[in-house]
Amino acid sequence: MVGFDPSAQGAAHSPEEAALAGSAAGMVTRALISPFDVLKIRFQLQIERVSSRRPEGKYRGLLQAYRCIHSEEGLFAFWKGHIPAQLLSICFGAVQFASFEFLTEAVHKTTPYDSQTAGVHFVCGGLAACSATVVCQPLDILRTRFAAQGEPKVYRNLRHAVSTMFRSEGVLTFYRGLAPTLVAVFPYAGLQFFSYNVFKKLLTPSSDAGKSGGNVRSLICGSGAGVISKTITYPFDLFKKRLQVGGFEAARAHFGQVRSYRGLVDCMIQIAKEEGLRGFFKGLSPSLVKAALSTGFTFFWYEFFLNAMHNLRERQKTKDLIPDSEER
């Protein structure tokens, strides 16, 4: 079960276990969904219309974009920025899930609310994601820069990217787009945990059916939660990506038109004027595929690793009890 469960006191998860399970879940999930993330970012950063019927820009659809990137940059292009992305996923997963377990336990112990209700999961999930975002934002910036660059590469490796960005743009560049990120991540993560809680309760089998298929239910519930939350909050993710590549226009020139934005409001106004309402949802299709897989796998692996640690702990307890009983 995700979050503090007062009915399972003996099996309560410590923040350390939640952090370890969250980081492991983030690492495995990131390796699996990286290609969809690269496609999503390329679509989000394209000024021209993303359309196969009226092609204007470099990328016109999922399959065409895949073939284009594969032919021009090779298969490994779909894992561009994978090292900072992995660091981001490991760090974000650890902070988010540890914070979530801590917050839900605090709610149970200090308020009259039930820590397993969907509303509590919405608030605690949003706050946990905000704390993880502040900690991990520099890694998200690096991941976006690596995924956005084509050939020839602007940044040779992680160390070169950090030093170049720090010298040419200053330390604040590592927090570009933080405002829209925080605005988007609270409802996004909140809806993820809210929807996952609702779906998990709806799909919980009766006591007669037993507990088989729990991991599959986690995958299905997580996927549904990811699609719902991503669709509702998607425009803010696009604003964040546009702002994160500010100062990076020269490296984006061969992809098509580039724009500079003075801030979140200016970004919204320019997109609305030049690209219309559809501009707010560029890259939605790969993003929804990615969100379904990412959220589904994250909850799946999180519960998998938590259960594995719980079973290991119980097995160790049993081993420790056997010598004690023999001595008596």
Protein backbone atom coordinates (compact mmCIF):
# COMPACT_ATOMS: atom_id res chain seq x y z
CA MET A 1 0.00 0.00 0.00
CA VAL A 2 1.26 3.46 -0.91
CA GLY A 3 1.24 5.89 2.03
CA PHE A 4 1.00 5.29 5.76
CA ASP A 5 -1.56 2.58 6.54
CA PRO A 6 -2.76 2.68 10.19
CA SER A 7 -4.35 -0.77 9.82
CA ALA A 8 -0.95 -2.32 9.11
CA GLN A 9 1.08 -0.96 12.00
CA GLY A 10 3.36 -4.00 12.14
CA ALA A 11 4.30 -3.54 8.49
CA ALA A 12 4.68 0.26 8.44
CA HIS A 13 7.39 1.40 6.05
CA SER A 14 10.17 3.65 7.30
CA PRO A 15 11.13 6.78 5.30
CA GLU A 16 14.45 5.08 4.52
CA GLU A 17 12.67 2.07 2.98
CA ALA A 18 10.37 4.40 1.04
CA ALA A 19 13.38 6.38 -0.26
CA LEU A 20 15.19 3.21 -1.33
CA ALA A 21 12.12 1.74 -3.04
CA GLY A 22 11.30 5.10 -4.68
CA SER A 23 14.82 5.55 -6.06
CA ALA A 24 14.92 1.96 -7.38
CA ALA A 25 11.49 2.41 -8.99
CA GLY A 26 12.62 5.67 -10.60
CA MET A 27 15.80 4.12 -11.96
CA VAL A 28 14.10 1.11 -13.59
CA THR A 29 11.23 3.20 -14.96
CA ARG A 30 13.54 5.84 -16.46
CA ALA A 31 15.50 3.26 -18.43
CA LEU A 32 12.27 1.92 -19.94
CA ILE A 33 10.52 5.17 -20.89
CA SER A 34 13.46 7.37 -22.01
CA PRO A 35 12.63 7.21 -25.78
CA PHE A 36 9.14 8.62 -25.18
CA ASP A 37 10.63 11.41 -23.07
CA VAL A 38 13.00 12.44 -25.87
CA LEU A 39 10.14 12.46 -28.41
CA LYS A 40 7.95 14.49 -26.05
CA ILE A 41 10.64 17.10 -25.45
CA ARG A 42 11.39 17.47 -29.19
CA PHE A 43 7.68 18.05 -29.89
CA GLN A 44 7.30 20.51 -27.01
CA LEU A 45 10.20 22.65 -28.20
CA GLN A 46 9.09 22.82 -31.84
CA ILE A 47 7.51 26.18 -32.68
CA GLU A 48 5.98 24.98 -35.96
CA ARG A 49 2.78 22.93 -36.05
CA VAL A 50 3.17 19.23 -35.27
CA SER A 51 0.92 17.75 -37.97
CA SER A 52 1.23 15.06 -40.64
CA ARG A 53 -1.59 16.59 -42.70
CA ARG A 54 -0.12 20.10 -42.81
CA PRO A 55 3.60 19.61 -42.17
CA GLU A 56 5.47 22.76 -41.22
CA GLY A 57 8.23 21.71 -38.85
CA LYS A 58 10.90 19.05 -38.58
CA TYR A 59 8.70 16.64 -36.65
CA ARG A 60 5.20 15.76 -37.88
CA GLY A 61 4.14 12.71 -35.85
CA LEU A 62 5.34 9.93 -33.58
CA LEU A 63 6.54 7.45 -36.21
CA GLN A 64 8.02 10.14 -38.46
CA ALA A 65 9.86 11.70 -35.52
CA TYR A 66 11.19 8.30 -34.46
CA ARG A 67 12.50 7.55 -37.95
CA CYS A 68 13.98 11.04 -38.31
CA ILE A 69 15.86 10.96 -35.00
CA HIS A 70 17.01 7.37 -35.59
CA SER A 71 18.36 8.11 -39.08
CA GLU A 72 20.05 11.41 -38.18
CA GLU A 73 21.34 10.72 -34.67
CA GLY A 74 21.26 6.94 -34.20
CA LEU A 75 19.48 4.67 -31.74
CA PHE A 76 21.29 6.04 -28.70
CA ALA A 77 19.72 9.46 -29.35
CA PHE A 78 16.62 8.15 -27.56
CA TRP A 79 18.71 7.92 -24.42
CA LYS A 80 20.29 11.37 -24.76
CA GLY A 81 20.73 12.92 -21.36
CA HIS A 82 20.16 9.52 -19.77
CA ILE A 83 22.75 10.02 -17.01
CA PRO A 84 21.24 13.27 -15.67
CA ALA A 85 17.78 11.78 -16.31
CA GLN A 86 18.67 8.73 -14.22
CA LEU A 87 20.10 10.90 -11.47
CA LEU A 88 16.89 12.94 -11.63
CA SER A 89 14.66 9.87 -11.42
CA ILE A 90 16.61 8.29 -8.56
CA CYS A 91 16.74 11.55 -6.59
CA PHE A 92 13.12 12.51 -7.33
CA GLY A 93 11.76 9.05 -6.51
CA ALA A 94 13.65 8.91 -3.22
CA VAL A 95 12.59 12.38 -2.02
CA GLN A 96 9.01 12.14 -3.28
CA PHE A 97 8.09 8.77 -1.79
CA ALA A 98 9.98 9.33 1.48
CA SER A 99 8.21 12.70 1.86
CA PHE A 100 4.86 11.13 0.98
CA GLU A 101 5.19 8.36 3.56
CA PHE A 102 6.31 10.91 6.17
CA LEU A 103 3.46 13.33 5.38
CA THR A 104 0.72 10.70 5.38
CA GLU A 105 2.00 9.37 8.73
CA ALA A 106 2.07 12.94 10.11
CA VAL A 107 -1.53 13.48 8.95
CA HIS A 108 -2.64 10.30 10.71
CA LYS A 109 -0.88 11.18 13.98
CA THR A 110 -1.62 14.92 14.19
CA THR A 111 -5.02 15.39 12.49
CA PRO A 112 -8.43 13.70 12.60
CA TYR A 113 -8.17 12.74 8.91
CA ASP A 114 -7.69 9.19 7.63
CA SER A 115 -4.27 8.93 5.96
CA GLN A 116 -5.64 6.50 3.34
CA THR A 117 -8.33 8.80 1.89
CA ALA A 118 -7.94 10.11 -1.65
CA GLY A 119 -8.08 13.76 -0.53
CA VAL A 120 -5.18 13.33 1.89
CA HIS A 121 -3.19 11.56 -0.83
CA PHE A 122 -3.83 14.50 -3.19
CA VAL A 123 -2.44 17.08 -0.75
CA CYS A 124 0.45 14.94 0.52
CA GLY A 125 1.34 13.79 -3.00
CA GLY A 126 1.46 17.38 -4.26
CA LEU A 127 3.59 18.59 -1.36
CA ALA A 128 5.95 15.61 -1.66
CA ALA A 129 6.46 16.29 -5.37
CA CYS A 130 7.11 20.00 -4.74
CA SER A 131 9.84 19.17 -2.24
CA ALA A 132 11.38 16.71 -4.71
CA THR A 133 11.18 19.29 -7.50
CA VAL A 134 13.10 21.94 -5.56
CA VAL A 135 15.83 19.41 -4.75
CA CYS A 136 16.06 17.94 -8.26
CA GLN A 137 15.40 20.93 -10.56
CA PRO A 138 19.07 21.32 -11.68
CA LEU A 139 19.08 17.70 -12.85
CA ASP A 140 15.84 18.29 -14.78
CA ILE A 141 17.43 21.29 -16.53
CA LEU A 142 20.44 19.19 -17.53
CA ARG A 143 18.24 16.33 -18.72
CA THR A 144 16.20 18.72 -20.90
CA ARG A 145 19.30 20.35 -22.42
CA PHE A 146 20.81 16.98 -23.35
CA ALA A 147 17.56 15.67 -24.83
CA ALA A 148 17.02 18.90 -26.80
CA GLN A 149 20.45 19.15 -28.46
CA GLY A 150 21.04 17.60 -31.85
CA GLU A 151 24.28 17.05 -33.76
CA PRO A 152 26.93 18.39 -33.39
CA LYS A 153 26.56 18.28 -29.63
CA VAL A 154 26.86 21.46 -27.59
CA TYR A 155 27.61 19.55 -24.38
CA ARG A 156 30.08 16.64 -24.50
CA ASN A 157 29.18 15.21 -21.10
CA LEU A 158 27.58 16.06 -17.77
CA ARG A 159 30.63 17.82 -16.35
CA HIS A 160 31.08 19.93 -19.50
CA ALA A 161 27.39 20.90 -19.43
CA VAL A 162 27.49 22.01 -15.80
CA SER A 163 30.67 24.07 -16.21
CA THR A 164 29.55 25.66 -19.50
CA MET A 165 26.10 26.61 -18.21
CA PHE A 166 27.51 27.97 -14.96
CA ARG A 167 30.11 30.16 -16.72
CA SER A 168 27.89 31.48 -19.51
CA GLU A 169 24.48 31.72 -17.80
CA GLY A 170 25.10 31.79 -14.05
CA VAL A 171 23.85 29.61 -11.20
CA LEU A 172 20.21 30.67 -11.58
CA THR A 173 20.05 28.94 -14.96
CA PHE A 174 19.79 25.63 -13.09
CA TYR A 175 16.43 26.81 -11.75
CA ARG A 176 14.94 28.09 -15.02
CA GLY A 177 11.26 27.25 -15.26
CA LEU A 178 10.94 26.49 -11.54
CA ALA A 179 7.77 28.60 -11.12
CA PRO A 180 5.68 26.80 -13.79
CA THR A 181 7.18 23.50 -12.64
CA LEU A 182 5.93 24.00 -9.07
CA VAL A 183 2.57 25.28 -10.32
CA ALA A 184 2.20 22.18 -12.48
CA VAL A 185 3.77 19.55 -10.25
CA PHE A 186 1.48 20.02 -7.24
CA PRO A 187 -1.78 19.21 -9.05
CA TYR A 188 -0.02 16.71 -11.34
CA ALA A 189 1.48 14.63 -8.54
CA GLY A 190 -1.55 15.22 -6.35
CA LEU A 191 -3.83 13.85 -9.06
CA GLN A 192 -1.48 10.90 -9.57
CA PHE A 193 -1.69 9.83 -5.93
CA PHE A 194 -5.41 10.74 -5.75
CA SER A 195 -6.32 8.73 -8.86
CA TYR A 196 -4.08 5.83 -7.88
CA ASN A 197 -5.79 5.68 -4.49
CA VAL A 198 -9.26 5.73 -6.09
CA PHE A 199 -8.44 3.14 -8.77
CA LYS A 200 -6.70 0.85 -6.26
CA LYS A 201 -9.79 0.84 -4.03
CA LEU A 202 -12.10 0.26 -7.00
CA LEU A 203 -10.03 -2.68 -8.24
CA THR A 204 -9.33 -4.21 -4.83
CA PRO A 205 -10.66 -7.79 -4.97
CA SER A 206 -13.05 -9.17 -2.42
CA SER A 207 -11.64 -11.12 0.50
CA ASP A 208 -12.79 -14.35 -1.21
CA ALA A 209 -10.69 -13.58 -4.30
CA GLY A 210 -7.44 -13.41 -2.34
CA LYS A 211 -4.54 -11.08 -3.03
CA SER A 212 -3.29 -12.42 -6.36
CA GLY A 213 -2.54 -9.98 -9.17
CA GLY A 214 -1.60 -7.12 -6.85
CA ASN A 215 1.36 -5.99 -8.93
CA VAL A 216 -0.69 -6.01 -12.14
CA ARG A 217 -3.36 -3.89 -10.42
CA SER A 218 -0.63 -1.44 -9.38
CA LEU A 219 0.49 -1.17 -13.01
CA ILE A 220 -3.06 -0.64 -14.32
CA CYS A 221 -4.02 1.85 -11.60
CA GLY A 222 -0.77 3.77 -12.02
CA SER A 223 -1.21 3.97 -15.80
CA GLY A 224 -4.73 5.35 -15.46
CA ALA A 225 -3.58 7.85 -12.85
CA GLY A 226 -0.73 8.99 -15.11
CA VAL A 227 -2.98 9.63 -18.12
CA ILE A 228 -5.55 11.62 -16.10
CA SER A 229 -3.01 13.79 -14.29
CA LYS A 230 -0.89 14.46 -17.37
CA THR A 231 -3.84 15.49 -19.56
CA ILE A 232 -5.12 18.00 -16.99
CA THR A 233 -1.75 19.64 -16.24
CA TYR A 234 0.03 19.24 -19.59
CA PRO A 235 0.32 22.93 -20.69
CA PHE A 236 2.46 23.77 -17.66
CA ASP A 237 4.88 20.99 -18.58
CA LEU A 238 5.23 22.57 -22.03
CA PHE A 239 5.84 26.04 -20.55
CA LYS A 240 8.51 24.58 -18.29
CA LYS A 241 10.36 22.96 -21.19
CA ARG A 242 10.26 26.14 -23.30
CA LEU A 243 11.70 28.18 -20.41
CA GLN A 244 14.35 25.59 -19.55
CA VAL A 245 16.04 25.92 -22.95
CA GLY A 246 16.30 29.70 -22.74
CA GLY A 247 19.84 30.78 -23.65
CA PHE A 248 20.17 27.58 -25.69
CA GLU A 249 18.69 28.99 -28.91
CA ALA A 250 21.79 28.59 -31.12
CA ALA A 251 21.88 24.85 -30.57
CA ARG A 252 18.18 24.60 -31.46
CA ALA A 253 18.38 26.61 -34.71
CA HIS A 254 18.68 23.64 -37.09
CA PHE A 255 15.50 22.11 -35.66
CA GLY A 256 13.43 25.06 -36.91
CA GLN A 257 12.26 28.36 -35.44
CA VAL A 258 13.38 29.35 -31.95
CA ARG A 259 11.93 31.82 -29.46
CA SER A 260 13.10 33.63 -26.34
CA TYR A 261 10.72 34.20 -23.44
CA ARG A 262 11.03 36.75 -20.63
CA GLY A 263 9.08 34.62 -18.17
CA LEU A 264 6.05 32.39 -17.67
CA VAL A 265 3.40 34.94 -18.65
CA ASP A 266 5.34 36.04 -21.75
CA CYS A 267 5.78 32.39 -22.72
CA MET A 268 2.03 31.76 -22.46
CA ILE A 269 1.15 34.87 -24.45
CA GLN A 270 3.63 34.18 -27.27
CA ILE A 271 2.51 30.56 -27.65
CA ALA A 272 -1.16 31.59 -27.68
CA LYS A 273 -0.52 34.26 -30.35
CA GLU A 274 1.73 32.26 -32.65
CA GLU A 275 0.63 28.67 -32.18
CA GLY A 276 -2.93 28.92 -30.92
CA LEU A 277 -4.64 26.70 -28.36
CA ARG A 278 -3.12 23.58 -29.93
CA GLY A 279 0.31 24.96 -29.15
CA PHE A 280 -0.35 24.34 -25.45
CA PHE A 281 -0.70 20.61 -26.17
CA LYS A 282 2.20 19.95 -28.54
CA GLY A 283 3.72 16.56 -27.80
CA LEU A 284 0.64 15.39 -25.87
CA SER A 285 0.44 12.01 -27.65
CA PRO A 286 3.96 10.78 -26.75
CA SER A 287 3.54 12.43 -23.36
CA LEU A 288 0.40 10.42 -22.59
CA VAL A 289 2.09 7.18 -23.66
CA LYS A 290 5.05 8.12 -21.50
CA ALA A 291 2.82 9.14 -18.55
CA ALA A 292 0.89 5.87 -18.66
CA LEU A 293 4.07 3.80 -18.75
CA SER A 294 6.03 6.02 -16.37
CA THR A 295 3.40 6.32 -13.63
CA GLY A 296 2.28 2.72 -14.03
CA PHE A 297 5.82 1.36 -13.78
CA THR A 298 6.73 3.74 -10.95
CA PHE A 299 3.92 2.55 -8.69
CA PHE A 300 4.41 -1.05 -9.85
CA TRP A 301 8.12 -1.08 -9.02
CA TYR A 302 7.66 0.99 -5.85
CA GLU A 303 5.21 -1.52 -4.38
CA PHE A 304 7.31 -4.41 -5.72
CA PHE A 305 10.47 -3.20 -3.96
CA LEU A 306 8.58 -2.31 -0.76
CA ASN A 307 7.04 -5.79 -0.66
CA ALA A 308 10.44 -7.35 -1.33
CA MET A 309 11.98 -5.41 1.58
CA HIS A 310 9.03 -6.29 3.82
CA ASN A 311 9.32 -10.01 2.98
CA LEU A 312 13.06 -9.89 3.58
CA ARG A 313 12.51 -8.22 6.96
CA GLU A 314 9.88 -10.78 7.97
CA ARG A 315 12.14 -13.64 6.89
CA GLN A 316 14.94 -12.23 9.01
CA LYS A 317 12.61 -11.94 11.99
CA THR A 318 11.60 -15.58 11.57
CA LYS A 319 15.26 -16.65 11.47
CA ASP A 320 15.96 -14.69 14.64
CA LEU A 321 13.00 -16.26 16.45
CA ILE A 322 14.02 -19.86 15.69
CA PRO A 323 17.22 -19.80 17.81
CA ASP A 324 15.32 -18.11 20.66
CA SER A 325 12.64 -20.83 20.67
CA GLU A 326 15.30 -23.57 20.57
CA GLU A 327 17.08 -22.07 23.59
CA ARG A 328 13.87 -22.14 25.59
